[in-house]
Amino acid sequence: MRREGGETRLTATGRNAWALMELYRAGKRGCTPIDNPGPRWSAYVHNLRRMGVNIATVHEAHKGPFPGTHARYVLESPIRIEAAEGGAR
């Protein structure tokens, strides 16, 4: 991950790594728990932010039988994936 003044290396594992890869793949479009089902998106985003990853939260309205808002998460840190292991089998 690039930061002002250089790069920072971080290792994400498990669901945190999954969420980071989903955010990376989504690009500026970002991810929502509706489009990218995951049991605890807010927790993964919180954990990644604590690691230093810059992720924006955009609140979006939705309609339907249960109207309200949902979060769209957008990766704002420029990152470079050096290795990815495992995944769904």
PDB file of N, CA and C in Angstrom:
ATOM      1  N   MET A   1       0.843  -1.166   0.000  1.00  0.00           N
ATOM      2  CA  MET A   1       0.000   0.000   0.000  1.00  0.00           C
ATOM      3  C   MET A   1       0.889   1.229   0.000  1.00  0.00           C
ATOM      4  N   ARG A   2       0.596   2.174  -0.848  1.00  0.00           N
ATOM      5  CA  ARG A   2       1.385   3.403  -0.911  1.00  0.00           C
ATOM      6  C   ARG A   2       0.866   4.420   0.079  1.00  0.00           C
ATOM      7  N   ARG A   3       1.788   5.076   0.745  1.00  0.00           N
ATOM      8  CA  ARG A   3       1.475   6.200   1.615  1.00  0.00           C
ATOM      9  C   ARG A   3       2.395   7.333   1.235  1.00  0.00           C
ATOM     10  N   GLU A   4       2.031   8.517   1.646  1.00  0.00           N
ATOM     11  CA  GLU A   4       2.901   9.657   1.396  1.00  0.00           C
ATOM     12  C   GLU A   4       4.252   9.359   2.032  1.00  0.00           C
ATOM     13  N   GLY A   5       5.301   9.477   1.268  1.00  0.00           N
ATOM     14  CA  GLY A   5       6.628   9.222   1.796  1.00  0.00           C
ATOM     15  C   GLY A   5       7.080   7.783   1.638  1.00  0.00           C
ATOM     16  N   GLY A   6       6.329   6.961   0.906  1.00  0.00           N
ATOM     17  CA  GLY A   6       6.782   5.598   0.705  1.00  0.00           C
ATOM     18  C   GLY A   6       5.646   4.604   0.669  1.00  0.00           C
ATOM     19  N   GLU A   7       5.996   3.365   0.907  1.00  0.00           N
ATOM     20  CA  GLU A   7       5.016   2.288   0.891  1.00  0.00           C
ATOM     21  C   GLU A   7       4.963   1.629   2.247  1.00  0.00           C
ATOM     22  N   THR A   8       3.813   1.080   2.553  1.00  0.00           N
ATOM     23  CA  THR A   8       3.619   0.312   3.774  1.00  0.00           C
ATOM     24  C   THR A   8       3.158  -1.073   3.361  1.00  0.00           C
ATOM     25  N   ARG A   9       3.736  -2.081   3.939  1.00  0.00           N
ATOM     26  CA  ARG A   9       3.333  -3.444   3.636  1.00  0.00           C
ATOM     27  C   ARG A   9       2.377  -3.908   4.726  1.00  0.00           C
ATOM     28  N   LEU A  10       1.282  -4.521   4.312  1.00  0.00           N
ATOM     29  CA  LEU A  10       0.375  -5.100   5.291  1.00  0.00           C
ATOM     30  C   LEU A  10      -0.080  -6.450   4.788  1.00  0.00           C
ATOM     31  N   THR A  11      -0.453  -7.285   5.718  1.00  0.00           N
ATOM     32  CA  THR A  11      -0.951  -8.611   5.390  1.00  0.00           C
ATOM     33  C   THR A  11      -2.349  -8.742   5.961  1.00  0.00           C
ATOM     34  N   ALA A  12      -3.297  -8.988   5.103  1.00  0.00           N
ATOM     35  CA  ALA A  12      -4.669  -9.230   5.532  1.00  0.00           C
ATOM     36  C   ALA A  12      -4.954 -10.710   5.318  1.00  0.00           C
ATOM     37  N   THR A  13      -5.666 -11.310   6.250  1.00  0.00           N
ATOM     38  CA  THR A  13      -5.984 -12.732   6.158  1.00  0.00           C
ATOM     39  C   THR A  13      -7.487 -12.933   6.326  1.00  0.00           C
ATOM     40  N   GLY A  14      -7.935 -14.109   5.963  1.00  0.00           N
ATOM     41  CA  GLY A  14      -9.327 -14.480   6.182  1.00  0.00           C
ATOM     42  C   GLY A  14     -10.301 -13.542   5.491  1.00  0.00           C
ATOM     43  N   ARG A  15     -11.384 -13.234   6.209  1.00  0.00           N
ATOM     44  CA  ARG A  15     -12.425 -12.373   5.648  1.00  0.00           C
ATOM     45  C   ARG A  15     -11.930 -10.949   5.408  1.00  0.00           C
ATOM     46  N   ASN A  16     -10.964 -10.489   6.191  1.00  0.00           N
ATOM     47  CA  ASN A  16     -10.403  -9.157   5.936  1.00  0.00           C
ATOM     48  C   ASN A  16      -9.730  -9.128   4.568  1.00  0.00           C
ATOM     49  N   ALA A  17      -9.010 -10.192   4.236  1.00  0.00           N
ATOM     50  CA  ALA A  17      -8.363 -10.281   2.922  1.00  0.00           C
ATOM     51  C   ALA A  17      -9.417 -10.373   1.824  1.00  0.00           C
ATOM     52  N   TRP A  18     -10.470 -11.148   2.073  1.00  0.00           N
ATOM     53  CA  TRP A  18     -11.562 -11.262   1.104  1.00  0.00           C
ATOM     54  C   TRP A  18     -12.171  -9.890   0.827  1.00  0.00           C
ATOM     55  N   ALA A  19     -12.475  -9.139   1.879  1.00  0.00           N
ATOM     56  CA  ALA A  19     -13.085  -7.816   1.726  1.00  0.00           C
ATOM     57  C   ALA A  19     -12.151  -6.870   0.972  1.00  0.00           C
ATOM     58  N   LEU A  20     -10.863  -6.901   1.292  1.00  0.00           N
ATOM     59  CA  LEU A  20      -9.901  -6.039   0.606  1.00  0.00           C
ATOM     60  C   LEU A  20      -9.844  -6.370  -0.885  1.00  0.00           C
ATOM     61  N   MET A  21      -9.856  -7.650  -1.222  1.00  0.00           N
ATOM     62  CA  MET A  21      -9.841  -8.051  -2.633  1.00  0.00           C
ATOM     63  C   MET A  21     -11.123  -7.621  -3.342  1.00  0.00           C
ATOM     64  N   GLU A  22     -12.265  -7.743  -2.674  1.00  0.00           N
ATOM     65  CA  GLU A  22     -13.531  -7.313  -3.272  1.00  0.00           C
ATOM     66  C   GLU A  22     -13.518  -5.810  -3.531  1.00  0.00           C
ATOM     67  N   LEU A  23     -13.010  -5.040  -2.570  1.00  0.00           N
ATOM     68  CA  LEU A  23     -12.911  -3.588  -2.739  1.00  0.00           C
ATOM     69  C   LEU A  23     -11.957  -3.244  -3.880  1.00  0.00           C
ATOM     70  N   TYR A  24     -10.845  -3.950  -3.946  1.00  0.00           N
ATOM     71  CA  TYR A  24      -9.849  -3.724  -4.998  1.00  0.00           C
ATOM     72  C   TYR A  24     -10.457  -4.000  -6.377  1.00  0.00           C
ATOM     73  N   ARG A  25     -11.155  -5.127  -6.497  1.00  0.00           N
ATOM     74  CA  ARG A  25     -11.775  -5.503  -7.772  1.00  0.00           C
ATOM     75  C   ARG A  25     -12.872  -4.523  -8.180  1.00  0.00           C
ATOM     76  N   ALA A  26     -13.603  -4.001  -7.208  1.00  0.00           N
ATOM     77  CA  ALA A  26     -14.730  -3.104  -7.498  1.00  0.00           C
ATOM     78  C   ALA A  26     -14.268  -1.730  -7.960  1.00  0.00           C
ATOM     79  N   GLY A  27     -13.071  -1.326  -7.561  1.00  0.00           N
ATOM     80  CA  GLY A  27     -12.563  -0.017  -7.960  1.00  0.00           C
ATOM     81  C   GLY A  27     -13.434   1.118  -7.445  1.00  0.00           C
ATOM     82  N   LYS A  28     -13.607   2.154  -8.250  1.00  0.00           N
ATOM     83  CA  LYS A  28     -14.363   3.343  -7.843  1.00  0.00           C
ATOM     84  C   LYS A  28     -15.848   3.060  -7.628  1.00  0.00           C
ATOM     85  N   ARG A  29     -16.345   1.977  -8.181  1.00  0.00           N
ATOM     86  CA  ARG A  29     -17.743   1.579  -8.006  1.00  0.00           C
ATOM     87  C   ARG A  29     -18.025   1.201  -6.549  1.00  0.00           C
ATOM     88  N   GLY A  30     -17.026   0.625  -5.883  1.00  0.00           N
ATOM     89  CA  GLY A  30     -17.190   0.241  -4.490  1.00  0.00           C
ATOM     90  C   GLY A  30     -18.030  -1.014  -4.318  1.00  0.00           C
ATOM     91  N   CYS A  31     -18.243  -1.380  -3.065  1.00  0.00           N
ATOM     92  CA  CYS A  31     -18.983  -2.589  -2.716  1.00  0.00           C
ATOM     93  C   CYS A  31     -20.076  -2.263  -1.716  1.00  0.00           C
ATOM     94  N   THR A  32     -21.173  -2.992  -1.835  1.00  0.00           N
ATOM     95  CA  THR A  32     -22.218  -2.923  -0.818  1.00  0.00           C
ATOM     96  C   THR A  32     -22.455  -4.336  -0.309  1.00  0.00           C
ATOM     97  N   PRO A  33     -22.947  -4.471   0.911  1.00  0.00           N
ATOM     98  CA  PRO A  33     -23.299  -5.803   1.406  1.00  0.00           C
ATOM     99  C   PRO A  33     -24.412  -6.449   0.575  1.00  0.00           C
ATOM    100  N   ILE A  34     -25.187  -5.635  -0.146  1.00  0.00           N
ATOM    101  CA  ILE A  34     -26.252  -6.174  -0.994  1.00  0.00           C
ATOM    102  C   ILE A  34     -25.647  -6.839  -2.230  1.00  0.00           C
ATOM    103  N   ASP A  35     -24.681  -6.173  -2.863  1.00  0.00           N
ATOM    104  CA  ASP A  35     -24.060  -6.693  -4.085  1.00  0.00           C
ATOM    105  C   ASP A  35     -22.981  -7.736  -3.812  1.00  0.00           C
ATOM    106  N   ASN A  36     -22.320  -7.625  -2.693  1.00  0.00           N
ATOM    107  CA  ASN A  36     -21.229  -8.524  -2.314  1.00  0.00           C
ATOM    108  C   ASN A  36     -21.553  -9.096  -0.934  1.00  0.00           C
ATOM    109  N   PRO A  37     -22.426 -10.106  -0.874  1.00  0.00           N
ATOM    110  CA  PRO A  37     -22.841 -10.603   0.442  1.00  0.00           C
ATOM    111  C   PRO A  37     -21.656 -11.075   1.277  1.00  0.00           C
ATOM    112  N   GLY A  38     -21.625 -10.602   2.484  1.00  0.00           N
ATOM    113  CA  GLY A  38     -20.627 -10.984   3.474  1.00  0.00           C
ATOM    114  C   GLY A  38     -21.261 -10.766   4.833  1.00  0.00           C
ATOM    115  N   PRO A  39     -21.046 -11.662   5.751  1.00  0.00           N
ATOM    116  CA  PRO A  39     -21.771 -11.559   7.014  1.00  0.00           C
ATOM    117  C   PRO A  39     -21.477 -10.306   7.833  1.00  0.00           C
ATOM    118  N   ARG A  40     -20.281  -9.728   7.722  1.00  0.00           N
ATOM    119  CA  ARG A  40     -19.948  -8.610   8.606  1.00  0.00           C
ATOM    120  C   ARG A  40     -19.092  -7.563   7.912  1.00  0.00           C
ATOM    121  N   TRP A  41     -19.597  -7.008   6.824  1.00  0.00           N
ATOM    122  CA  TRP A  41     -18.840  -6.016   6.066  1.00  0.00           C
ATOM    123  C   TRP A  41     -18.318  -4.892   6.938  1.00  0.00           C
ATOM    124  N   SER A  42     -19.162  -4.355   7.811  1.00  0.00           N
ATOM    125  CA  SER A  42     -18.725  -3.212   8.626  1.00  0.00           C
ATOM    126  C   SER A  42     -17.537  -3.588   9.499  1.00  0.00           C
ATOM    127  N   ALA A  43     -17.498  -4.821   9.981  1.00  0.00           N
ATOM    128  CA  ALA A  43     -16.368  -5.266  10.803  1.00  0.00           C
ATOM    129  C   ALA A  43     -15.098  -5.385   9.968  1.00  0.00           C
ATOM    130  N   TYR A  44     -15.218  -5.920   8.743  1.00  0.00           N
ATOM    131  CA  TYR A  44     -14.036  -6.059   7.888  1.00  0.00           C
ATOM    132  C   TYR A  44     -13.475  -4.690   7.536  1.00  0.00           C
ATOM    133  N   VAL A  45     -14.367  -3.744   7.218  1.00  0.00           N
ATOM    134  CA  VAL A  45     -13.937  -2.388   6.887  1.00  0.00           C
ATOM    135  C   VAL A  45     -13.269  -1.745   8.095  1.00  0.00           C
ATOM    136  N   HIS A  46     -13.854  -1.937   9.267  1.00  0.00           N
ATOM    137  CA  HIS A  46     -13.263  -1.393  10.499  1.00  0.00           C
ATOM    138  C   HIS A  46     -11.851  -1.953  10.696  1.00  0.00           C
ATOM    139  N   ASN A  47     -11.695  -3.256  10.541  1.00  0.00           N
ATOM    140  CA  ASN A  47     -10.381  -3.890  10.720  1.00  0.00           C
ATOM    141  C   ASN A  47      -9.365  -3.365   9.708  1.00  0.00           C
ATOM    142  N   LEU A  48      -9.775  -3.240   8.455  1.00  0.00           N
ATOM    143  CA  LEU A  48      -8.864  -2.733   7.423  1.00  0.00           C
ATOM    144  C   LEU A  48      -8.473  -1.286   7.696  1.00  0.00           C
ATOM    145  N   ARG A  49      -9.423  -0.500   8.157  1.00  0.00           N
ATOM    146  CA  ARG A  49      -9.099   0.891   8.507  1.00  0.00           C
ATOM    147  C   ARG A  49      -8.085   0.937   9.647  1.00  0.00           C
ATOM    148  N   ARG A  50      -8.222   0.054  10.609  1.00  0.00           N
ATOM    149  CA  ARG A  50      -7.258   0.011  11.723  1.00  0.00           C
ATOM    150  C   ARG A  50      -5.871  -0.382  11.232  1.00  0.00           C
ATOM    151  N   MET A  51      -5.807  -1.110  10.117  1.00  0.00           N
ATOM    152  CA  MET A  51      -4.518  -1.467   9.513  1.00  0.00           C
ATOM    153  C   MET A  51      -3.941  -0.301   8.724  1.00  0.00           C
ATOM    154  N   GLY A  52      -4.741   0.746   8.502  1.00  0.00           N
ATOM    155  CA  GLY A  52      -4.263   1.911   7.773  1.00  0.00           C
ATOM    156  C   GLY A  52      -4.822   2.064   6.372  1.00  0.00           C
ATOM    157  N   VAL A  53      -5.754   1.199   5.985  1.00  0.00           N
ATOM    158  CA  VAL A  53      -6.341   1.273   4.649  1.00  0.00           C
ATOM    159  C   VAL A  53      -7.427   2.351   4.654  1.00  0.00           C
ATOM    160  N   ASN A  54      -7.380   3.246   3.669  1.00  0.00           N
ATOM    161  CA  ASN A  54      -8.365   4.323   3.565  1.00  0.00           C
ATOM    162  C   ASN A  54      -9.561   3.827   2.760  1.00  0.00           C
ATOM    163  N   ILE A  55     -10.714   3.714   3.433  1.00  0.00           N
ATOM    164  CA  ILE A  55     -11.947   3.242   2.809  1.00  0.00           C
ATOM    165  C   ILE A  55     -13.042   4.254   3.113  1.00  0.00           C
ATOM    166  N   ALA A  56     -13.674   4.767   2.058  1.00  0.00           N
ATOM    167  CA  ALA A  56     -14.771   5.728   2.225  1.00  0.00           C
ATOM    168  C   ALA A  56     -16.083   4.974   2.409  1.00  0.00           C
ATOM    169  N   THR A  57     -16.985   5.555   3.190  1.00  0.00           N
ATOM    170  CA  THR A  57     -18.341   5.033   3.338  1.00  0.00           C
ATOM    171  C   THR A  57     -19.300   6.037   2.715  1.00  0.00           C
ATOM    172  N   VAL A  58     -20.060   5.575   1.739  1.00  0.00           N
ATOM    173  CA  VAL A  58     -21.076   6.401   1.089  1.00  0.00           C
ATOM    174  C   VAL A  58     -22.428   5.815   1.484  1.00  0.00           C
ATOM    175  N   HIS A  59     -23.295   6.629   2.080  1.00  0.00           N
ATOM    176  CA  HIS A  59     -24.621   6.158   2.481  1.00  0.00           C
ATOM    177  C   HIS A  59     -25.590   6.370   1.325  1.00  0.00           C
ATOM    178  N   GLU A  60     -26.272   5.286   0.936  1.00  0.00           N
ATOM    179  CA  GLU A  60     -27.190   5.330  -0.197  1.00  0.00           C
ATOM    180  C   GLU A  60     -28.587   4.921   0.250  1.00  0.00           C
ATOM    181  N   ALA A  61     -29.577   5.612  -0.271  1.00  0.00           N
ATOM    182  CA  ALA A  61     -30.965   5.264   0.029  1.00  0.00           C
ATOM    183  C   ALA A  61     -31.396   4.079  -0.830  1.00  0.00           C
ATOM    184  N   HIS A  62     -32.272   3.257  -0.293  1.00  0.00           N
ATOM    185  CA  HIS A  62     -32.879   2.190  -1.082  1.00  0.00           C
ATOM    186  C   HIS A  62     -34.368   2.127  -0.762  1.00  0.00           C
ATOM    187  N   LYS A  63     -35.120   1.639  -1.742  1.00  0.00           N
ATOM    188  CA  LYS A  63     -36.576   1.534  -1.614  1.00  0.00           C
ATOM    189  C   LYS A  63     -36.953   0.082  -1.410  1.00  0.00           C
ATOM    190  N   GLY A  64     -38.177  -0.227  -1.634  1.00  0.00           N
ATOM    191  CA  GLY A  64     -38.652  -1.587  -1.492  1.00  0.00           C
ATOM    192  C   GLY A  64     -39.459  -1.748  -0.226  1.00  0.00           C
ATOM    193  N   PRO A  65     -39.725  -2.987   0.167  1.00  0.00           N
ATOM    194  CA  PRO A  65     -40.563  -3.222   1.342  1.00  0.00           C
ATOM    195  C   PRO A  65     -39.923  -2.739   2.649  1.00  0.00           C
ATOM    196  N   PHE A  66     -38.622  -2.602   2.668  1.00  0.00           N
ATOM    197  CA  PHE A  66     -37.912  -2.129   3.860  1.00  0.00           C
ATOM    198  C   PHE A  66     -36.998  -0.972   3.469  1.00  0.00           C
ATOM    199  N   PRO A  67     -37.570   0.201   3.160  1.00  0.00           N
ATOM    200  CA  PRO A  67     -36.755   1.332   2.713  1.00  0.00           C
ATOM    201  C   PRO A  67     -35.833   1.834   3.820  1.00  0.00           C
ATOM    202  N   GLY A  68     -34.748   2.413   3.401  1.00  0.00           N
ATOM    203  CA  GLY A  68     -33.777   2.951   4.355  1.00  0.00           C
ATOM    204  C   GLY A  68     -32.495   3.309   3.635  1.00  0.00           C
ATOM    205  N   THR A  69     -31.381   3.098   4.305  1.00  0.00           N
ATOM    206  CA  THR A  69     -30.086   3.363   3.693  1.00  0.00           C
ATOM    207  C   THR A  69     -29.175   2.161   3.886  1.00  0.00           C
ATOM    208  N   HIS A  70     -28.196   2.077   3.031  1.00  0.00           N
ATOM    209  CA  HIS A  70     -27.147   1.073   3.171  1.00  0.00           C
ATOM    210  C   HIS A  70     -25.816   1.743   2.857  1.00  0.00           C
ATOM    211  N   ALA A  71     -24.748   1.084   3.232  1.00  0.00           N
ATOM    212  CA  ALA A  71     -23.406   1.632   3.013  1.00  0.00           C
ATOM    213  C   ALA A  71     -22.808   1.076   1.730  1.00  0.00           C
ATOM    214  N   ARG A  72     -22.094   1.929   1.028  1.00  0.00           N
ATOM    215  CA  ARG A  72     -21.240   1.517  -0.087  1.00  0.00           C
ATOM    216  C   ARG A  72     -19.825   1.859   0.341  1.00  0.00           C
ATOM    217  N   TYR A  73     -18.942   0.870   0.316  1.00  0.00           N
ATOM    218  CA  TYR A  73     -17.558   1.063   0.725  1.00  0.00           C
ATOM    219  C   TYR A  73     -16.687   1.184  -0.517  1.00  0.00           C
ATOM    220  N   VAL A  74     -15.834   2.206  -0.524  1.00  0.00           N
ATOM    221  CA  VAL A  74     -14.971   2.468  -1.681  1.00  0.00           C
ATOM    222  C   VAL A  74     -13.523   2.555  -1.209  1.00  0.00           C
ATOM    223  N   LEU A  75     -12.675   1.716  -1.787  1.00  0.00           N
ATOM    224  CA  LEU A  75     -11.248   1.724  -1.468  1.00  0.00           C
ATOM    225  C   LEU A  75     -10.621   2.990  -2.032  1.00  0.00           C
ATOM    226  N   GLU A  76      -9.994   3.775  -1.178  1.00  0.00           N
ATOM    227  CA  GLU A  76      -9.347   5.011  -1.623  1.00  0.00           C
ATOM    228  C   GLU A  76      -7.830   4.940  -1.536  1.00  0.00           C
ATOM    229  N   SER A  77      -7.296   3.974  -0.830  1.00  0.00           N
ATOM    230  CA  SER A  77      -5.844   3.798  -0.765  1.00  0.00           C
ATOM    231  C   SER A  77      -5.367   3.106  -2.032  1.00  0.00           C
ATOM    232  N   PRO A  78      -4.322   3.626  -2.662  1.00  0.00           N
ATOM    233  CA  PRO A  78      -3.747   2.884  -3.784  1.00  0.00           C
ATOM    234  C   PRO A  78      -3.014   1.664  -3.229  1.00  0.00           C
ATOM    235  N   ILE A  79      -3.368   0.495  -3.712  1.00  0.00           N
ATOM    236  CA  ILE A  79      -2.710  -0.712  -3.206  1.00  0.00           C
ATOM    237  C   ILE A  79      -2.171  -1.530  -4.367  1.00  0.00           C
ATOM    238  N   ARG A  80      -1.241  -2.395  -4.037  1.00  0.00           N
ATOM    239  CA  ARG A  80      -0.685  -3.352  -4.984  1.00  0.00           C
ATOM    240  C   ARG A  80      -0.753  -4.713  -4.306  1.00  0.00           C
ATOM    241  N   ILE A  81      -1.396  -5.662  -4.938  1.00  0.00           N
ATOM    242  CA  ILE A  81      -1.506  -7.012  -4.396  1.00  0.00           C
ATOM    243  C   ILE A  81      -0.248  -7.767  -4.815  1.00  0.00           C
ATOM    244  N   GLU A  82       0.512  -8.233  -3.843  1.00  0.00           N
ATOM    245  CA  GLU A  82       1.739  -8.971  -4.160  1.00  0.00           C
ATOM    246  C   GLU A  82       1.510 -10.467  -4.195  1.00  0.00           C
ATOM    247  N   ALA A  83       0.608 -10.945  -3.367  1.00  0.00           N
ATOM    248  CA  ALA A  83       0.332 -12.377  -3.339  1.00  0.00           C
ATOM    249  C   ALA A  83      -1.063 -12.591  -2.797  1.00  0.00           C
ATOM    250  N   ALA A  84      -1.736 -13.563  -3.358  1.00  0.00           N
ATOM    251  CA  ALA A  84      -3.049 -13.962  -2.855  1.00  0.00           C
ATOM    252  C   ALA A  84      -3.062 -15.477  -2.824  1.00  0.00           C
ATOM    253  N   GLU A  85      -3.451 -16.021  -1.704  1.00  0.00           N
ATOM    254  CA  GLU A  85      -3.463 -17.472  -1.544  1.00  0.00           C
ATOM    255  C   GLU A  85      -4.831 -17.913  -1.069  1.00  0.00           C
ATOM    256  N   GLY A  86      -5.155 -19.165  -1.333  1.00  0.00           N
ATOM    257  CA  GLY A  86      -6.406 -19.723  -0.824  1.00  0.00           C
ATOM    258  C   GLY A  86      -7.591 -19.249  -1.625  1.00  0.00           C
ATOM    259  N   GLY A  87      -8.687 -19.067  -0.914  1.00  0.00           N
ATOM    260  CA  GLY A  87      -9.926 -18.652  -1.566  1.00  0.00           C
ATOM    261  C   GLY A  87     -10.950 -19.752  -1.486  1.00  0.00           C
ATOM    262  N   ALA A  88     -12.093 -19.492  -2.073  1.00  0.00           N
ATOM    263  CA  ALA A  88     -13.183 -20.465  -2.047  1.00  0.00           C
ATOM    264  C   ALA A  88     -12.773 -21.714  -2.812  1.00  0.00           C
ATOM    265  N   ARG A  89     -13.199 -22.829  -2.322  1.00  0.00           N
ATOM    266  CA  ARG A  89     -12.881 -24.108  -2.972  1.00  0.00           C
ATOM    267  C   ARG A  89     -14.134 -24.747  -3.487  1.00  0.00           C
TER     268      ARG A  89
END
